[in-house]
PDB file of N, CA and C in Angstrom:
ATOM      1  N   MET A   1       0.785  -0.958   0.266  1.00  0.00           N
ATOM      2  CA  MET A   1       0.092   0.139   0.028  1.00  0.00           C
ATOM      3  C   MET A   1       0.724   1.445  -0.189  1.00  0.00           C
ATOM      4  N   ALA A   2       0.673   2.363  -0.750  1.00  0.00           N
ATOM      5  CA  ALA A   2       1.171   3.517  -0.839  1.00  0.00           C
ATOM      6  C   ALA A   2       0.772   4.279   0.516  1.00  0.00           C
ATOM      7  N   ALA A   3       1.944   5.315   0.496  1.00  0.00           N
ATOM      8  CA  ALA A   3       1.980   6.047   1.722  1.00  0.00           C
ATOM      9  C   ALA A   3       0.839   7.188   1.675  1.00  0.00           C
ATOM     10  N   PRO A   4       0.614   7.373   2.679  1.00  0.00           N
ATOM     11  CA  PRO A   4      -0.637   8.557   2.294  1.00  0.00           C
ATOM     12  C   PRO A   4      -0.400   9.981   2.197  1.00  0.00           C
ATOM     13  N   GLY A   5      -1.267  10.522   1.548  1.00  0.00           N
ATOM     14  CA  GLY A   5      -1.182  12.061   1.007  1.00  0.00           C
ATOM     15  C   GLY A   5      -0.428  12.749   1.976  1.00  0.00           C
ATOM     16  N   TYR A   6      -0.554  12.673   3.432  1.00  0.00           N
ATOM     17  CA  TYR A   6      -0.139  13.712   4.509  1.00  0.00           C
ATOM     18  C   TYR A   6       0.943  13.104   4.961  1.00  0.00           C
ATOM     19  N   VAL A   7       1.629  12.290   4.330  1.00  0.00           N
ATOM     20  CA  VAL A   7       3.068  11.405   4.652  1.00  0.00           C
ATOM     21  C   VAL A   7       3.897  12.738   4.996  1.00  0.00           C
ATOM     22  N   ASP A   8       4.306  13.744   4.326  1.00  0.00           N
ATOM     23  CA  ASP A   8       5.073  14.645   4.533  1.00  0.00           C
ATOM     24  C   ASP A   8       4.744  15.720   5.862  1.00  0.00           C
ATOM     25  N   ASP A   9       3.476  15.886   6.375  1.00  0.00           N
ATOM     26  CA  ASP A   9       3.300  16.817   7.375  1.00  0.00           C
ATOM     27  C   ASP A   9       2.734  15.626   8.628  1.00  0.00           C
ATOM     28  N   ARG A  10       2.725  14.574   8.230  1.00  0.00           N
ATOM     29  CA  ARG A  10       2.482  13.827   9.338  1.00  0.00           C
ATOM     30  C   ARG A  10       2.604  14.271  10.889  1.00  0.00           C
ATOM     31  N   THR A  11       3.752  14.742  11.167  1.00  0.00           N
ATOM     32  CA  THR A  11       3.789  15.357  12.534  1.00  0.00           C
ATOM     33  C   THR A  11       2.843  16.824  12.741  1.00  0.00           C
ATOM     34  N   ALA A  12       2.771  17.484  11.655  1.00  0.00           N
ATOM     35  CA  ALA A  12       1.584  18.598  11.557  1.00  0.00           C
ATOM     36  C   ALA A  12       0.808  18.206  12.337  1.00  0.00           C
ATOM     37  N   VAL A  13       0.059  17.404  11.373  1.00  0.00           N
ATOM     38  CA  VAL A  13      -1.313  16.793  11.374  1.00  0.00           C
ATOM     39  C   VAL A  13      -1.367  15.994  13.061  1.00  0.00           C
ATOM     40  N   LEU A  14      -0.145  15.407  13.547  1.00  0.00           N
ATOM     41  CA  LEU A  14      -0.391  14.705  14.819  1.00  0.00           C
ATOM     42  C   LEU A  14      -0.448  16.010  15.767  1.00  0.00           C
ATOM     43  N   ALA A  15       0.134  16.642  15.831  1.00  0.00           N
ATOM     44  CA  ALA A  15       0.230  18.024  16.805  1.00  0.00           C
ATOM     45  C   ALA A  15      -1.526  18.422  16.344  1.00  0.00           C
ATOM     46  N   ARG A  16      -2.153  18.943  15.511  1.00  0.00           N
ATOM     47  CA  ARG A  16      -3.000  19.525  15.267  1.00  0.00           C
ATOM     48  C   ARG A  16      -4.355  18.529  16.376  1.00  0.00           C
ATOM     49  N   LEU A  17      -3.948  17.332  15.987  1.00  0.00           N
ATOM     50  CA  LEU A  17      -5.222  16.211  16.411  1.00  0.00           C
ATOM     51  C   LEU A  17      -4.685  16.139  17.947  1.00  0.00           C
ATOM     52  N   LYS A  18      -3.705  16.439  18.285  1.00  0.00           N
ATOM     53  CA  LYS A  18      -3.472  16.487  19.714  1.00  0.00           C
ATOM     54  C   LYS A  18      -3.896  17.682  20.582  1.00  0.00           C
ATOM     55  N   LYS A  19      -3.667  18.867  19.889  1.00  0.00           N
ATOM     56  CA  LYS A  19      -4.207  19.898  20.102  1.00  0.00           C
ATOM     57  C   LYS A  19      -5.769  19.777  20.437  1.00  0.00           C
ATOM     58  N   ILE A  20      -6.298  19.874  19.335  1.00  0.00           N
ATOM     59  CA  ILE A  20      -7.874  19.319  19.785  1.00  0.00           C
ATOM     60  C   ILE A  20      -7.953  18.116  20.797  1.00  0.00           C
ATOM     61  N   GLU A  21      -7.469  16.853  20.932  1.00  0.00           N
ATOM     62  CA  GLU A  21      -7.678  16.191  21.934  1.00  0.00           C
ATOM     63  C   GLU A  21      -7.633  17.057  22.958  1.00  0.00           C
ATOM     64  N   GLY A  22      -6.957  18.080  23.455  1.00  0.00           N
ATOM     65  CA  GLY A  22      -6.601  18.821  24.649  1.00  0.00           C
ATOM     66  C   GLY A  22      -8.193  19.761  24.855  1.00  0.00           C
ATOM     67  N   GLN A  23      -8.664  20.197  23.663  1.00  0.00           N
ATOM     68  CA  GLN A  23      -9.702  20.979  23.766  1.00  0.00           C
ATOM     69  C   GLN A  23     -10.902  20.197  24.052  1.00  0.00           C
ATOM     70  N   VAL A  24     -10.841  18.801  23.475  1.00  0.00           N
ATOM     71  CA  VAL A  24     -12.158  17.784  23.995  1.00  0.00           C
ATOM     72  C   VAL A  24     -11.967  17.646  25.789  1.00  0.00           C
ATOM     73  N   ARG A  25     -11.115  17.761  26.181  1.00  0.00           N
ATOM     74  CA  ARG A  25     -10.519  17.021  27.576  1.00  0.00           C
ATOM     75  C   ARG A  25     -11.296  18.743  28.209  1.00  0.00           C
ATOM     76  N   GLY A  26     -10.763  19.782  27.632  1.00  0.00           N
ATOM     77  CA  GLY A  26     -11.127  20.965  28.563  1.00  0.00           C
ATOM     78  C   GLY A  26     -12.999  20.829  28.172  1.00  0.00           C
ATOM     79  N   ILE A  27     -13.532  20.566  27.478  1.00  0.00           N
ATOM     80  CA  ILE A  27     -14.971  20.582  27.045  1.00  0.00           C
ATOM     81  C   ILE A  27     -15.435  19.867  28.112  1.00  0.00           C
ATOM     82  N   HIS A  28     -14.671  18.587  28.237  1.00  0.00           N
ATOM     83  CA  HIS A  28     -15.485  17.299  29.618  1.00  0.00           C
ATOM     84  C   HIS A  28     -15.509  18.268  30.994  1.00  0.00           C
ATOM     85  N   LYS A  29     -14.007  18.725  31.288  1.00  0.00           N
ATOM     86  CA  LYS A  29     -13.789  19.348  32.513  1.00  0.00           C
ATOM     87  C   LYS A  29     -14.968  20.354  32.461  1.00  0.00           C
ATOM     88  N   MET A  30     -15.162  21.539  31.776  1.00  0.00           N
ATOM     89  CA  MET A  30     -16.225  22.083  31.633  1.00  0.00           C
ATOM     90  C   MET A  30     -17.641  22.152  32.187  1.00  0.00           C
ATOM     91  N   VAL A  31     -17.975  20.512  31.441  1.00  0.00           N
ATOM     92  CA  VAL A  31     -19.397  19.812  31.672  1.00  0.00           C
ATOM     93  C   VAL A  31     -19.068  19.641  33.491  1.00  0.00           C
ATOM     94  N   GLU A  32     -18.084  18.898  33.439  1.00  0.00           N
ATOM     95  CA  GLU A  32     -17.853  18.602  35.197  1.00  0.00           C
ATOM     96  C   GLU A  32     -17.867  19.352  36.111  1.00  0.00           C
ATOM     97  N   ASP A  33     -17.719  20.630  35.778  1.00  0.00           N
ATOM     98  CA  ASP A  33     -17.462  21.871  36.638  1.00  0.00           C
ATOM     99  C   ASP A  33     -18.907  22.659  36.304  1.00  0.00           C
ATOM    100  N   ASP A  34     -19.541  22.105  35.878  1.00  0.00           N
ATOM    101  CA  ASP A  34     -21.145  22.955  35.573  1.00  0.00           C
ATOM    102  C   ASP A  34     -20.951  24.217  34.958  1.00  0.00           C
ATOM    103  N   ARG A  35     -20.205  24.209  34.030  1.00  0.00           N
ATOM    104  CA  ARG A  35     -20.066  25.417  33.146  1.00  0.00           C
ATOM    105  C   ARG A  35     -20.939  26.062  32.552  1.00  0.00           C
ATOM    106  N   TYR A  36     -21.130  27.595  32.374  1.00  0.00           N
ATOM    107  CA  TYR A  36     -22.557  27.838  31.809  1.00  0.00           C
ATOM    108  C   TYR A  36     -22.335  27.246  30.290  1.00  0.00           C
ATOM    109  N   CYS A  37     -23.865  27.042  29.909  1.00  0.00           N
ATOM    110  CA  CYS A  37     -23.947  26.280  28.640  1.00  0.00           C
ATOM    111  C   CYS A  37     -23.246  27.067  27.406  1.00  0.00           C
ATOM    112  N   ILE A  38     -23.665  28.422  27.331  1.00  0.00           N
ATOM    113  CA  ILE A  38     -22.986  29.157  26.059  1.00  0.00           C
ATOM    114  C   ILE A  38     -21.616  28.828  26.211  1.00  0.00           C
ATOM    115  N   ASP A  39     -21.171  28.837  27.077  1.00  0.00           N
ATOM    116  CA  ASP A  39     -19.489  28.233  27.332  1.00  0.00           C
ATOM    117  C   ASP A  39     -18.890  27.625  26.663  1.00  0.00           C
ATOM    118  N   VAL A  40     -19.704  26.615  27.213  1.00  0.00           N
ATOM    119  CA  VAL A  40     -19.288  24.675  26.664  1.00  0.00           C
ATOM    120  C   VAL A  40     -19.499  25.034  24.947  1.00  0.00           C
ATOM    121  N   LEU A  41     -20.850  25.581  24.706  1.00  0.00           N
ATOM    122  CA  LEU A  41     -21.077  25.097  23.419  1.00  0.00           C
ATOM    123  C   LEU A  41     -20.026  25.941  22.390  1.00  0.00           C
ATOM    124  N   GLN A  42     -19.860  27.133  22.834  1.00  0.00           N
ATOM    125  CA  GLN A  42     -18.944  27.753  22.041  1.00  0.00           C
ATOM    126  C   GLN A  42     -17.077  27.143  22.149  1.00  0.00           C
ATOM    127  N   GLN A  43     -17.035  26.471  22.938  1.00  0.00           N
ATOM    128  CA  GLN A  43     -15.515  25.349  22.917  1.00  0.00           C
ATOM    129  C   GLN A  43     -15.939  23.968  22.123  1.00  0.00           C
ATOM    130  N   ILE A  44     -17.199  23.834  21.840  1.00  0.00           N
ATOM    131  CA  ILE A  44     -17.725  22.432  21.141  1.00  0.00           C
ATOM    132  C   ILE A  44     -17.558  23.054  19.712  1.00  0.00           C
ATOM    133  N   SER A  45     -17.680  24.380  19.546  1.00  0.00           N
ATOM    134  CA  SER A  45     -18.032  24.753  18.201  1.00  0.00           C
ATOM    135  C   SER A  45     -16.705  24.831  17.730  1.00  0.00           C
ATOM    136  N   ALA A  46     -15.694  25.483  18.518  1.00  0.00           N
ATOM    137  CA  ALA A  46     -14.387  25.586  18.390  1.00  0.00           C
ATOM    138  C   ALA A  46     -13.517  24.348  17.988  1.00  0.00           C
ATOM    139  N   ALA A  47     -13.874  23.262  18.952  1.00  0.00           N
ATOM    140  CA  ALA A  47     -13.065  22.168  18.290  1.00  0.00           C
ATOM    141  C   ALA A  47     -13.752  21.439  17.361  1.00  0.00           C
ATOM    142  N   THR A  48     -14.884  21.680  17.131  1.00  0.00           N
ATOM    143  CA  THR A  48     -15.443  21.221  15.702  1.00  0.00           C
ATOM    144  C   THR A  48     -14.944  21.691  14.479  1.00  0.00           C
ATOM    145  N   ARG A  49     -14.838  22.911  14.166  1.00  0.00           N
ATOM    146  CA  ARG A  49     -13.879  23.551  13.311  1.00  0.00           C
ATOM    147  C   ARG A  49     -12.477  23.324  13.575  1.00  0.00           C
ATOM    148  N   ALA A  50     -11.854  22.828  14.073  1.00  0.00           N
ATOM    149  CA  ALA A  50     -10.656  22.655  14.156  1.00  0.00           C
ATOM    150  C   ALA A  50     -10.556  21.293  13.602  1.00  0.00           C
ATOM    151  N   LEU A  51     -11.552  20.163  13.942  1.00  0.00           N
ATOM    152  CA  LEU A  51     -11.385  18.947  13.126  1.00  0.00           C
ATOM    153  C   LEU A  51     -11.621  18.719  11.630  1.00  0.00           C
ATOM    154  N   GLN A  52     -12.574  20.224  11.296  1.00  0.00           N
ATOM    155  CA  GLN A  52     -12.996  20.335  10.066  1.00  0.00           C
ATOM    156  C   GLN A  52     -11.697  20.975   9.352  1.00  0.00           C
ATOM    157  N   GLY A  53     -10.902  21.590   9.934  1.00  0.00           N
ATOM    158  CA  GLY A  53      -9.691  22.144   8.979  1.00  0.00           C
ATOM    159  C   GLY A  53      -8.931  21.106   9.074  1.00  0.00           C
ATOM    160  N   VAL A  54      -8.704  19.961   9.846  1.00  0.00           N
ATOM    161  CA  VAL A  54      -8.088  18.937   9.749  1.00  0.00           C
ATOM    162  C   VAL A  54      -8.269  17.925   8.951  1.00  0.00           C
ATOM    163  N   ALA A  55      -9.534  17.601   8.547  1.00  0.00           N
ATOM    164  CA  ALA A  55     -10.497  17.091   7.492  1.00  0.00           C
ATOM    165  C   ALA A  55      -9.980  17.675   6.172  1.00  0.00           C
ATOM    166  N   LEU A  56     -10.471  18.983   6.494  1.00  0.00           N
ATOM    167  CA  LEU A  56     -10.025  19.528   5.057  1.00  0.00           C
ATOM    168  C   LEU A  56      -8.459  19.648   4.895  1.00  0.00           C
ATOM    169  N   HIS A  57      -7.725  19.321   5.178  1.00  0.00           N
ATOM    170  CA  HIS A  57      -6.045  19.468   4.845  1.00  0.00           C
ATOM    171  C   HIS A  57      -6.265  18.289   4.505  1.00  0.00           C
ATOM    172  N   LEU A  58      -6.840  16.726   5.396  1.00  0.00           N
ATOM    173  CA  LEU A  58      -6.377  15.704   4.836  1.00  0.00           C
ATOM    174  C   LEU A  58      -7.041  15.146   3.047  1.00  0.00           C
ATOM    175  N   LEU A  59      -8.049  15.968   3.300  1.00  0.00           N
ATOM    176  CA  LEU A  59      -8.878  15.880   2.065  1.00  0.00           C
ATOM    177  C   LEU A  59      -7.640  16.581   0.584  1.00  0.00           C
ATOM    178  N   ASP A  60      -7.554  17.535   1.141  1.00  0.00           N
ATOM    179  CA  ASP A  60      -6.443  18.205   0.243  1.00  0.00           C
ATOM    180  C   ASP A  60      -5.329  17.514  -0.265  1.00  0.00           C
ATOM    181  N   GLU A  61      -4.410  16.954   0.738  1.00  0.00           N
ATOM    182  CA  GLU A  61      -3.472  15.937   0.638  1.00  0.00           C
ATOM    183  C   GLU A  61      -3.753  15.087   0.019  1.00  0.00           C
ATOM    184  N   HIS A  62      -5.274  14.078  -0.087  1.00  0.00           N
ATOM    185  CA  HIS A  62      -5.652  13.258  -0.913  1.00  0.00           C
ATOM    186  C   HIS A  62      -5.646  13.405  -2.337  1.00  0.00           C
ATOM    187  N   MET A  63      -6.305  14.405  -2.690  1.00  0.00           N
ATOM    188  CA  MET A  63      -6.893  14.957  -3.683  1.00  0.00           C
ATOM    189  C   MET A  63      -5.646  15.047  -4.389  1.00  0.00           C
ATOM    190  N   ALA A  64      -4.698  15.991  -3.746  1.00  0.00           N
ATOM    191  CA  ALA A  64      -3.068  16.356  -4.435  1.00  0.00           C
ATOM    192  C   ALA A  64      -2.408  14.928  -4.811  1.00  0.00           C
ATOM    193  N   HIS A  65      -2.248  13.627  -3.784  1.00  0.00           N
ATOM    194  CA  HIS A  65      -1.182  12.904  -4.133  1.00  0.00           C
ATOM    195  C   HIS A  65      -2.226  11.759  -4.629  1.00  0.00           C
ATOM    196  N   CYS A  66      -3.015  11.269  -3.594  1.00  0.00           N
ATOM    197  CA  CYS A  66      -3.616   9.758  -4.188  1.00  0.00           C
ATOM    198  C   CYS A  66      -4.118   9.778  -5.473  1.00  0.00           C
ATOM    199  N   VAL A  67      -5.096  10.726  -5.254  1.00  0.00           N
ATOM    200  CA  VAL A  67      -6.360  10.953  -6.575  1.00  0.00           C
ATOM    201  C   VAL A  67      -5.795  11.399  -7.945  1.00  0.00           C
ATOM    202  N   VAL A  68      -4.306  12.260  -7.614  1.00  0.00           N
ATOM    203  CA  VAL A  68      -3.370  12.414  -8.810  1.00  0.00           C
ATOM    204  C   VAL A  68      -3.054  11.313  -9.376  1.00  0.00           C
ATOM    205  N   ASN A  69      -2.224  10.767  -8.490  1.00  0.00           N
ATOM    206  CA  ASN A  69      -1.675   9.870  -8.799  1.00  0.00           C
ATOM    207  C   ASN A  69      -2.259   8.183  -9.656  1.00  0.00           C
ATOM    208  N   ALA A  70      -3.946   8.155  -8.951  1.00  0.00           N
ATOM    209  CA  ALA A  70      -4.717   7.368  -9.421  1.00  0.00           C
ATOM    210  C   ALA A  70      -5.104   8.092 -11.240  1.00  0.00           C
ATOM    211  N   VAL A  71      -5.059   8.930 -11.008  1.00  0.00           N
ATOM    212  CA  VAL A  71      -5.612   9.528 -12.679  1.00  0.00           C
ATOM    213  C   VAL A  71      -4.557   9.574 -13.584  1.00  0.00           C
ATOM    214  N   LYS A  72      -3.103   9.281 -13.142  1.00  0.00           N
ATOM    215  CA  LYS A  72      -2.430   9.456 -13.584  1.00  0.00           C
ATOM    216  C   LYS A  72      -2.112   7.860 -14.579  1.00  0.00           C
ATOM    217  N   ALA A  73      -2.678   7.273 -13.308  1.00  0.00           N
ATOM    218  CA  ALA A  73      -2.284   5.565 -13.778  1.00  0.00           C
ATOM    219  C   ALA A  73      -3.765   4.968 -14.593  1.00  0.00           C
ATOM    220  N   GLY A  74      -4.786   5.398 -14.557  1.00  0.00           N
ATOM    221  CA  GLY A  74      -6.122   5.582 -15.368  1.00  0.00           C
ATOM    222  C   GLY A  74      -6.478   4.167 -15.018  1.00  0.00           C
ATOM    223  N   GLY A  75      -7.752   3.646 -15.570  1.00  0.00           N
ATOM    224  CA  GLY A  75      -8.167   2.601 -15.653  1.00  0.00           C
ATOM    225  C   GLY A  75      -9.315   2.553 -14.559  1.00  0.00           C
ATOM    226  N   ALA A  76      -9.335   1.417 -13.590  1.00  0.00           N
ATOM    227  CA  ALA A  76     -10.357   1.033 -12.259  1.00  0.00           C
ATOM    228  C   ALA A  76      -9.588   2.021 -11.409  1.00  0.00           C
ATOM    229  N   GLU A  77      -8.523   1.960 -11.259  1.00  0.00           N
ATOM    230  CA  GLU A  77      -8.091   2.692  -9.747  1.00  0.00           C
ATOM    231  C   GLU A  77      -8.299   4.077  -9.942  1.00  0.00           C
ATOM    232  N   LYS A  78      -8.175   4.446 -10.909  1.00  0.00           N
ATOM    233  CA  LYS A  78      -8.787   6.258 -11.263  1.00  0.00           C
ATOM    234  C   LYS A  78      -9.980   6.212 -10.630  1.00  0.00           C
ATOM    235  N   ASP A  79     -11.105   5.787 -11.362  1.00  0.00           N
ATOM    236  CA  ASP A  79     -12.662   5.428 -11.405  1.00  0.00           C
ATOM    237  C   ASP A  79     -12.389   5.446  -9.512  1.00  0.00           C
ATOM    238  N   ALA A  80     -11.977   4.145  -9.144  1.00  0.00           N
ATOM    239  CA  ALA A  80     -12.171   4.166  -7.659  1.00  0.00           C
ATOM    240  C   ALA A  80     -11.665   5.087  -6.505  1.00  0.00           C
ATOM    241  N   LYS A  81     -10.783   5.524  -6.956  1.00  0.00           N
ATOM    242  CA  LYS A  81     -10.041   7.028  -6.206  1.00  0.00           C
ATOM    243  C   LYS A  81     -10.910   8.296  -6.365  1.00  0.00           C
ATOM    244  N   LEU A  82     -11.467   8.431  -7.774  1.00  0.00           N
ATOM    245  CA  LEU A  82     -12.111   9.468  -7.683  1.00  0.00           C
ATOM    246  C   LEU A  82     -13.992   9.477  -7.189  1.00  0.00           C
ATOM    247  N   ARG A  83     -14.088   8.046  -6.878  1.00  0.00           N
ATOM    248  CA  ARG A  83     -15.809   7.801  -6.521  1.00  0.00           C
ATOM    249  C   ARG A  83     -15.209   8.240  -5.036  1.00  0.00           C
ATOM    250  N   GLU A  84     -13.941   7.571  -4.192  1.00  0.00           N
ATOM    251  CA  GLU A  84     -13.618   7.640  -3.150  1.00  0.00           C
ATOM    252  C   GLU A  84     -13.848   9.266  -2.727  1.00  0.00           C
ATOM    253  N   ALA A  85     -12.835   9.838  -3.245  1.00  0.00           N
ATOM    254  CA  ALA A  85     -12.867  11.440  -3.035  1.00  0.00           C
ATOM    255  C   ALA A  85     -14.605  12.389  -2.772  1.00  0.00           C
ATOM    256  N   SER A  86     -15.029  11.702  -3.803  1.00  0.00           N
ATOM    257  CA  SER A  86     -16.354  12.105  -3.787  1.00  0.00           C
ATOM    258  C   SER A  86     -17.259  11.850  -2.725  1.00  0.00           C
ATOM    259  N   ALA A  87     -16.910  10.304  -2.362  1.00  0.00           N
ATOM    260  CA  ALA A  87     -17.775   9.871  -1.488  1.00  0.00           C
ATOM    261  C   ALA A  87     -17.221  10.627  -0.077  1.00  0.00           C
ATOM    262  N   ALA A  88     -16.029  11.193   0.292  1.00  0.00           N
ATOM    263  CA  ALA A  88     -15.552  12.064   1.270  1.00  0.00           C
ATOM    264  C   ALA A  88     -15.573  13.223   1.551  1.00  0.00           C
ATOM    265  N   ILE A  89     -15.760  14.032   0.064  1.00  0.00           N
ATOM    266  CA  ILE A  89     -16.388  15.449   0.236  1.00  0.00           C
ATOM    267  C   ILE A  89     -17.811  15.573   0.716  1.00  0.00           C
ATOM    268  N   ALA A  90     -18.716  14.363   0.213  1.00  0.00           N
ATOM    269  CA  ALA A  90     -20.093  14.260   0.770  1.00  0.00           C
ATOM    270  C   ALA A  90     -20.564  14.213   1.715  1.00  0.00           C
ATOM    271  N   ARG A  91     -19.511  13.548   2.918  1.00  0.00           N
ATOM    272  CA  ARG A  91     -19.577  13.442   4.118  1.00  0.00           C
ATOM    273  C   ARG A  91     -19.380  14.574   4.807  1.00  0.00           C
ATOM    274  N   LEU A  92     -18.279  15.177   4.204  1.00  0.00           N
ATOM    275  CA  LEU A  92     -18.074  16.518   4.539  1.00  0.00           C
ATOM    276  C   LEU A  92     -18.944  17.667   4.760  1.00  0.00           C
ATOM    277  N   VAL A  93     -19.491  17.514   3.752  1.00  0.00           N
ATOM    278  CA  VAL A  93     -20.530  18.475   3.501  1.00  0.00           C
ATOM    279  C   VAL A  93     -21.628  18.263   4.344  1.00  0.00           C
ATOM    280  N   LYS A  94     -21.784  16.987   4.565  1.00  0.00           N
ATOM    281  CA  LYS A  94     -23.116  16.512   5.809  1.00  0.00           C
ATOM    282  C   LYS A  94     -22.690  17.140   6.907  1.00  0.00           C
ATOM    283  N   SER A  95     -21.723  16.819   7.080  1.00  0.00           N
ATOM    284  CA  SER A  95     -21.093  16.873   8.901  1.00  0.00           C
ATOM    285  C   SER A  95     -21.345  18.393   9.118  1.00  0.00           C
TER     286      SER A  95
END
């Protein structure tokens, strides 16, 4: 199996996910501490935006590497990667 498209910035992606993990832990603590609903919702919104940012970055990398390489290869691989990318975009739009 080929390396993922984000292989060159794997460390940066992991750092962003670690930061998001900290945000979610903070939200958990806010609920434990009975913080004001709107403050909790604001933090949830920030974590959601951060996850969406990572998802869009990964999608960009997938398109730039995996899909481009599949299109160059042509045939069934090209069709499969294009369908896969389209389905990923649809999932992101629905979220």
